[in-house]
Amino acid sequence: MIKNIAVFCGSNTGKNPAYKEKAEALGTYLAKNKIGLVFGGGKVGLMGIIADAVLKNNGRAVGVMPDHLFQREVGHKGLTEFKIVKSMHERKALIEQESDAFIAMPGGMGTLDEIAEIFTWSQLNLHRKPFGFYNVDGYFDKLLGFFKHMVNERFLHQQHFDRMCIADEPQGLIEKLKIFDHGSVDKWL
């Protein structure tokens, strides 16, 4: 059962207006379906938009932020719960612990870092939780193409690639996360 989903996304809004629109749609969907949001805690960019949508619809939003970012006043002050940690490493570990599933939506290097670590931990069987990409307007198409290239070059196992849930709208993505099957393939096959 999925009670809380971590969403990794941009601290900027990007240039495509669809990113903001789809962030709001995801936040609204989570709240209306009683799924809590766990995220980086920012009030800015897509992070702020998704959190505001969750809160506006009486949902639960938990932010996790290192003190050095909180001191820069980028923390969202209106969240259900806010956890301040010492480092980015602690942030990622706590987000993983607090979440039942993980979604990456458009963002930059931080987003890529976070979802790549979740993917890697899945390969290593450090967790068996579902994860996926909210592929707004094909944002992740080239990255997913590169993952396919990794499979073709035998640096990524096909069964690991197949673990990724990919959709361009909230309902379809959440439904895929709910039926996720981690499988049992070993990282080193």
C-alpha atoms as a PDB file:
ATOM      1  CA  MET A   1       0.000   0.000   0.000  1.00  0.00           C
ATOM      2  CA  ILE A   2       1.289   3.451  -0.880  1.00  0.00           C
ATOM      3  CA  LYS A   3       0.715   5.998   1.886  1.00  0.00           C
ATOM      4  CA  ASN A   4       3.537   8.441   1.061  1.00  0.00           C
ATOM      5  CA  ILE A   5       5.261   9.212  -2.225  1.00  0.00           C
ATOM      6  CA  ALA A   6       8.528  11.082  -2.550  1.00  0.00           C
ATOM      7  CA  VAL A   7       8.561  13.491  -5.451  1.00  0.00           C
ATOM      8  CA  PHE A   8      11.892  14.710  -6.794  1.00  0.00           C
ATOM      9  CA  CYS A   9      11.544  17.819  -8.956  1.00  0.00           C
ATOM     10  CA  GLY A  10      13.014  21.177  -9.820  1.00  0.00           C
ATOM     11  CA  SER A  11      13.647  24.065  -7.485  1.00  0.00           C
ATOM     12  CA  ASN A  12      12.924  26.126 -10.610  1.00  0.00           C
ATOM     13  CA  THR A  13       9.800  25.977 -12.748  1.00  0.00           C
ATOM     14  CA  GLY A  14      11.517  25.496 -16.100  1.00  0.00           C
ATOM     15  CA  LYS A  15      10.491  27.248 -19.297  1.00  0.00           C
ATOM     16  CA  ASN A  16       7.604  24.992 -20.335  1.00  0.00           C
ATOM     17  CA  PRO A  17       4.334  26.091 -18.636  1.00  0.00           C
ATOM     18  CA  ALA A  18       3.228  22.436 -18.663  1.00  0.00           C
ATOM     19  CA  TYR A  19       5.739  21.671 -15.888  1.00  0.00           C
ATOM     20  CA  LYS A  20       3.928  23.967 -13.459  1.00  0.00           C
ATOM     21  CA  GLU A  21       0.512  22.745 -14.587  1.00  0.00           C
ATOM     22  CA  LYS A  22       1.481  19.077 -14.214  1.00  0.00           C
ATOM     23  CA  ALA A  23       3.124  19.670 -10.814  1.00  0.00           C
ATOM     24  CA  GLU A  24      -0.133  21.144  -9.581  1.00  0.00           C
ATOM     25  CA  ALA A  25      -2.080  18.236 -11.103  1.00  0.00           C
ATOM     26  CA  LEU A  26       0.131  15.692  -9.327  1.00  0.00           C
ATOM     27  CA  GLY A  27      -0.158  17.492  -5.990  1.00  0.00           C
ATOM     28  CA  THR A  28      -3.942  17.670  -6.339  1.00  0.00           C
ATOM     29  CA  TYR A  29      -4.141  13.997  -7.292  1.00  0.00           C
ATOM     30  CA  LEU A  30      -2.030  12.932  -4.305  1.00  0.00           C
ATOM     31  CA  ALA A  31      -4.143  14.917  -1.846  1.00  0.00           C
ATOM     32  CA  LYS A  32      -7.478  13.772  -3.257  1.00  0.00           C
ATOM     33  CA  ASN A  33      -6.304  10.157  -3.071  1.00  0.00           C
ATOM     34  CA  LYS A  34      -5.005  10.481   0.499  1.00  0.00           C
ATOM     35  CA  ILE A  35      -1.376   9.928  -0.492  1.00  0.00           C
ATOM     36  CA  GLY A  36       1.118  12.025   1.427  1.00  0.00           C
ATOM     37  CA  LEU A  37       3.862  14.000  -0.278  1.00  0.00           C
ATOM     38  CA  VAL A  38       7.458  13.666   0.919  1.00  0.00           C
ATOM     39  CA  PHE A  39       9.838  16.070  -0.804  1.00  0.00           C
ATOM     40  CA  GLY A  40      12.844  18.326  -0.436  1.00  0.00           C
ATOM     41  CA  GLY A  41      10.891  20.958   1.480  1.00  0.00           C
ATOM     42  CA  GLY A  42      11.377  23.909  -0.855  1.00  0.00           C
ATOM     43  CA  LYS A  43       8.913  26.737  -1.312  1.00  0.00           C
ATOM     44  CA  VAL A  44      10.388  27.536  -4.726  1.00  0.00           C
ATOM     45  CA  GLY A  45      10.002  26.074  -8.204  1.00  0.00           C
ATOM     46  CA  LEU A  46       8.062  22.914  -8.927  1.00  0.00           C
ATOM     47  CA  MET A  47       8.676  21.801  -5.333  1.00  0.00           C
ATOM     48  CA  GLY A  48       6.665  24.733  -4.022  1.00  0.00           C
ATOM     49  CA  ILE A  49       3.923  24.284  -6.602  1.00  0.00           C
ATOM     50  CA  ILE A  50       3.357  20.608  -5.817  1.00  0.00           C
ATOM     51  CA  ALA A  51       3.397  21.232  -2.058  1.00  0.00           C
ATOM     52  CA  ASP A  52       0.948  24.121  -2.369  1.00  0.00           C
ATOM     53  CA  ALA A  53      -1.412  21.946  -4.446  1.00  0.00           C
ATOM     54  CA  VAL A  54      -1.269  19.173  -1.833  1.00  0.00           C
ATOM     55  CA  LEU A  55      -1.969  21.601   1.013  1.00  0.00           C
ATOM     56  CA  LYS A  56      -4.717  23.451  -0.878  1.00  0.00           C
ATOM     57  CA  ASN A  57      -6.542  20.123  -1.211  1.00  0.00           C
ATOM     58  CA  ASN A  58      -6.157  19.210   2.481  1.00  0.00           C
ATOM     59  CA  GLY A  59      -3.338  16.758   1.854  1.00  0.00           C
ATOM     60  CA  ARG A  60      -0.233  15.970   3.880  1.00  0.00           C
ATOM     61  CA  ALA A  61       3.136  17.424   2.830  1.00  0.00           C
ATOM     62  CA  VAL A  62       6.382  16.558   4.605  1.00  0.00           C
ATOM     63  CA  GLY A  63       9.536  18.477   3.749  1.00  0.00           C
ATOM     64  CA  VAL A  64      13.071  17.266   4.432  1.00  0.00           C
ATOM     65  CA  MET A  65      15.818  19.854   4.075  1.00  0.00           C
ATOM     66  CA  PRO A  66      19.435  20.244   5.166  1.00  0.00           C
ATOM     67  CA  ASP A  67      20.042  23.125   7.542  1.00  0.00           C
ATOM     68  CA  HIS A  68      22.328  24.937   5.075  1.00  0.00           C
ATOM     69  CA  LEU A  69      19.431  25.287   2.617  1.00  0.00           C
ATOM     70  CA  PHE A  70      16.917  26.130   5.325  1.00  0.00           C
ATOM     71  CA  GLN A  71      19.192  28.980   6.429  1.00  0.00           C
ATOM     72  CA  ARG A  72      18.972  30.390   2.895  1.00  0.00           C
ATOM     73  CA  GLU A  73      15.222  30.770   3.483  1.00  0.00           C
ATOM     74  CA  VAL A  74      14.095  28.418   0.743  1.00  0.00           C
ATOM     75  CA  GLY A  75      12.122  26.167   3.124  1.00  0.00           C
ATOM     76  CA  HIS A  76       8.334  26.011   2.763  1.00  0.00           C
ATOM     77  CA  LYS A  77       6.833  27.363   5.988  1.00  0.00           C
ATOM     78  CA  GLY A  78       3.300  25.968   5.613  1.00  0.00           C
ATOM     79  CA  LEU A  79       3.935  22.219   5.490  1.00  0.00           C
ATOM     80  CA  THR A  80       2.270  19.556   7.583  1.00  0.00           C
ATOM     81  CA  GLU A  81       5.682  18.558   8.876  1.00  0.00           C
ATOM     82  CA  PHE A  82       9.195  19.879   8.284  1.00  0.00           C
ATOM     83  CA  LYS A  83      12.346  17.934   9.125  1.00  0.00           C
ATOM     84  CA  ILE A  84      15.719  19.649   9.185  1.00  0.00           C
ATOM     85  CA  VAL A  85      18.763  17.431   8.737  1.00  0.00           C
ATOM     86  CA  LYS A  86      22.512  18.070   8.658  1.00  0.00           C
ATOM     87  CA  SER A  87      23.414  17.008   5.124  1.00  0.00           C
ATOM     88  CA  MET A  88      22.138  16.095   1.685  1.00  0.00           C
ATOM     89  CA  HIS A  89      23.032  12.464   2.433  1.00  0.00           C
ATOM     90  CA  GLU A  90      20.787  12.485   5.504  1.00  0.00           C
ATOM     91  CA  ARG A  91      18.059  14.152   3.474  1.00  0.00           C
ATOM     92  CA  LYS A  92      18.049  11.422   0.830  1.00  0.00           C
ATOM     93  CA  ALA A  93      18.169   8.635   3.429  1.00  0.00           C
ATOM     94  CA  LEU A  94      15.267  10.102   5.407  1.00  0.00           C
ATOM     95  CA  ILE A  95      13.171  10.681   2.276  1.00  0.00           C
ATOM     96  CA  GLU A  96      13.743   7.030   1.333  1.00  0.00           C
ATOM     97  CA  GLN A  97      12.704   5.857   4.812  1.00  0.00           C
ATOM     98  CA  GLU A  98       9.572   8.035   4.896  1.00  0.00           C
ATOM     99  CA  SER A  99       8.335   7.040   1.427  1.00  0.00           C
ATOM    100  CA  ASP A 100       6.583   4.024  -0.038  1.00  0.00           C
ATOM    101  CA  ALA A 101       7.300   5.032  -3.655  1.00  0.00           C
ATOM    102  CA  PHE A 102       9.291   7.604  -5.630  1.00  0.00           C
ATOM    103  CA  ILE A 103       8.546   9.868  -8.588  1.00  0.00           C
ATOM    104  CA  ALA A 104      10.895  12.062 -10.613  1.00  0.00           C
ATOM    105  CA  MET A 105       9.361  14.894 -12.553  1.00  0.00           C
ATOM    106  CA  PRO A 106      11.166  17.629 -14.498  1.00  0.00           C
ATOM    107  CA  GLY A 107      14.144  19.032 -12.661  1.00  0.00           C
ATOM    108  CA  GLY A 108      17.891  19.443 -12.816  1.00  0.00           C
ATOM    109  CA  MET A 109      20.936  17.659 -11.456  1.00  0.00           C
ATOM    110  CA  GLY A 110      19.492  17.283  -7.946  1.00  0.00           C
ATOM    111  CA  THR A 111      16.434  15.515  -9.328  1.00  0.00           C
ATOM    112  CA  LEU A 112      18.599  13.282 -11.495  1.00  0.00           C
ATOM    113  CA  ASP A 113      20.869  12.500  -8.535  1.00  0.00           C
ATOM    114  CA  GLU A 114      17.941  11.577  -6.298  1.00  0.00           C
ATOM    115  CA  ILE A 115      16.129   9.282  -8.731  1.00  0.00           C
ATOM    116  CA  ALA A 116      19.411   7.687  -9.883  1.00  0.00           C
ATOM    117  CA  GLU A 117      20.231   6.796  -6.286  1.00  0.00           C
ATOM    118  CA  ILE A 118      16.763   5.296  -5.759  1.00  0.00           C
ATOM    119  CA  PHE A 119      17.220   3.295  -8.988  1.00  0.00           C
ATOM    120  CA  THR A 120      20.650   2.104  -7.850  1.00  0.00           C
ATOM    121  CA  TRP A 121      19.371   1.122  -4.405  1.00  0.00           C
ATOM    122  CA  SER A 122      16.635  -0.886  -6.144  1.00  0.00           C
ATOM    123  CA  GLN A 123      19.257  -2.719  -8.231  1.00  0.00           C
ATOM    124  CA  LEU A 124      21.206  -3.523  -5.059  1.00  0.00           C
ATOM    125  CA  ASN A 125      18.032  -4.673  -3.273  1.00  0.00           C
ATOM    126  CA  LEU A 126      18.478  -2.002  -0.592  1.00  0.00           C
ATOM    127  CA  HIS A 127      14.774  -1.300  -1.071  1.00  0.00           C
ATOM    128  CA  ARG A 128      11.959  -2.971  -3.006  1.00  0.00           C
ATOM    129  CA  LYS A 129       9.812   0.120  -3.475  1.00  0.00           C
ATOM    130  CA  PRO A 130       8.302   1.337  -6.745  1.00  0.00           C
ATOM    131  CA  PHE A 131       9.775   4.299  -8.586  1.00  0.00           C
ATOM    132  CA  GLY A 132       9.112   6.084 -11.804  1.00  0.00           C
ATOM    133  CA  PHE A 133       9.177   9.086 -14.063  1.00  0.00           C
ATOM    134  CA  TYR A 134       6.380  11.624 -14.527  1.00  0.00           C
ATOM    135  CA  ASN A 135       7.346  12.254 -18.135  1.00  0.00           C
ATOM    136  CA  VAL A 136       5.765  15.666 -18.687  1.00  0.00           C
ATOM    137  CA  ASP A 137       5.858  16.593 -22.393  1.00  0.00           C
ATOM    138  CA  GLY A 138       8.530  13.959 -23.004  1.00  0.00           C
ATOM    139  CA  TYR A 139      10.979  15.624 -20.593  1.00  0.00           C
ATOM    140  CA  PHE A 140      12.708  12.320 -19.791  1.00  0.00           C
ATOM    141  CA  ASP A 141      12.619  10.787 -23.290  1.00  0.00           C
ATOM    142  CA  LYS A 142      16.354  11.249 -23.938  1.00  0.00           C
ATOM    143  CA  LEU A 143      17.294   9.953 -20.488  1.00  0.00           C
ATOM    144  CA  LEU A 144      15.076   6.902 -20.961  1.00  0.00           C
ATOM    145  CA  GLY A 145      16.685   6.430 -24.370  1.00  0.00           C
ATOM    146  CA  PHE A 146      20.088   6.483 -22.701  1.00  0.00           C
ATOM    147  CA  PHE A 147      18.901   3.851 -20.204  1.00  0.00           C
ATOM    148  CA  LYS A 148      17.878   1.687 -23.194  1.00  0.00           C
ATOM    149  CA  HIS A 149      21.367   2.228 -24.610  1.00  0.00           C
ATOM    150  CA  MET A 150      22.783   1.010 -21.269  1.00  0.00           C
ATOM    151  CA  VAL A 151      20.663  -2.142 -21.618  1.00  0.00           C
ATOM    152  CA  ASN A 152      21.852  -2.682 -25.203  1.00  0.00           C
ATOM    153  CA  GLU A 153      25.468  -2.246 -24.108  1.00  0.00           C
ATOM    154  CA  ARG A 154      24.887  -4.639 -21.164  1.00  0.00           C
ATOM    155  CA  PHE A 155      25.548  -2.144 -18.388  1.00  0.00           C
ATOM    156  CA  LEU A 156      21.928  -2.271 -17.216  1.00  0.00           C
ATOM    157  CA  HIS A 157      19.869  -5.436 -16.958  1.00  0.00           C
ATOM    158  CA  GLN A 158      16.579  -5.412 -18.900  1.00  0.00           C
ATOM    159  CA  GLN A 159      14.668  -6.478 -15.773  1.00  0.00           C
ATOM    160  CA  HIS A 160      16.059  -3.476 -13.892  1.00  0.00           C
ATOM    161  CA  PHE A 161      15.039  -1.184 -16.746  1.00  0.00           C
ATOM    162  CA  ASP A 162      11.564  -2.729 -16.672  1.00  0.00           C
ATOM    163  CA  ARG A 163      11.144  -1.740 -13.001  1.00  0.00           C
ATOM    164  CA  MET A 164      10.716   1.905 -13.986  1.00  0.00           C
ATOM    165  CA  CYS A 165       7.143   3.141 -14.052  1.00  0.00           C
ATOM    166  CA  ILE A 166       6.649   5.814 -16.704  1.00  0.00           C
ATOM    167  CA  ALA A 167       3.582   7.924 -17.473  1.00  0.00           C
ATOM    168  CA  ASP A 168       2.690  11.456 -18.504  1.00  0.00           C
ATOM    169  CA  GLU A 169      -0.247  11.940 -16.143  1.00  0.00           C
ATOM    170  CA  PRO A 170      -0.706  11.351 -12.403  1.00  0.00           C
ATOM    171  CA  GLN A 171      -3.398   8.670 -12.360  1.00  0.00           C
ATOM    172  CA  GLY A 172      -1.614   6.353 -14.780  1.00  0.00           C
ATOM    173  CA  LEU A 173       1.693   6.760 -12.979  1.00  0.00           C
ATOM    174  CA  ILE A 174       0.235   6.102  -9.521  1.00  0.00           C
ATOM    175  CA  GLU A 175      -1.617   3.040 -10.839  1.00  0.00           C
ATOM    176  CA  LYS A 176       1.655   1.668 -12.236  1.00  0.00           C
ATOM    177  CA  LEU A 177       3.394   2.311  -8.911  1.00  0.00           C
ATOM    178  CA  LYS A 178       0.635   0.414  -7.101  1.00  0.00           C
ATOM    179  CA  ILE A 179       1.114  -2.741  -9.197  1.00  0.00           C
ATOM    180  CA  PHE A 180       4.919  -2.527  -9.253  1.00  0.00           C
ATOM    181  CA  ASP A 181       6.772  -5.846  -9.055  1.00  0.00           C
ATOM    182  CA  HIS A 182      10.370  -5.543  -7.886  1.00  0.00           C
ATOM    183  CA  GLY A 183      11.266  -9.032  -9.048  1.00  0.00           C
ATOM    184  CA  SER A 184      14.338 -10.894  -7.883  1.00  0.00           C
ATOM    185  CA  VAL A 185      17.013 -10.383 -10.506  1.00  0.00           C
ATOM    186  CA  ASP A 186      20.459  -9.830  -9.014  1.00  0.00           C
ATOM    187  CA  LYS A 187      22.405  -6.633  -9.815  1.00  0.00           C
ATOM    188  CA  TRP A 188      25.408  -8.604 -11.044  1.00  0.00           C
ATOM    189  CA  LEU A 189      23.722 -10.802 -13.669  1.00  0.00           C
END
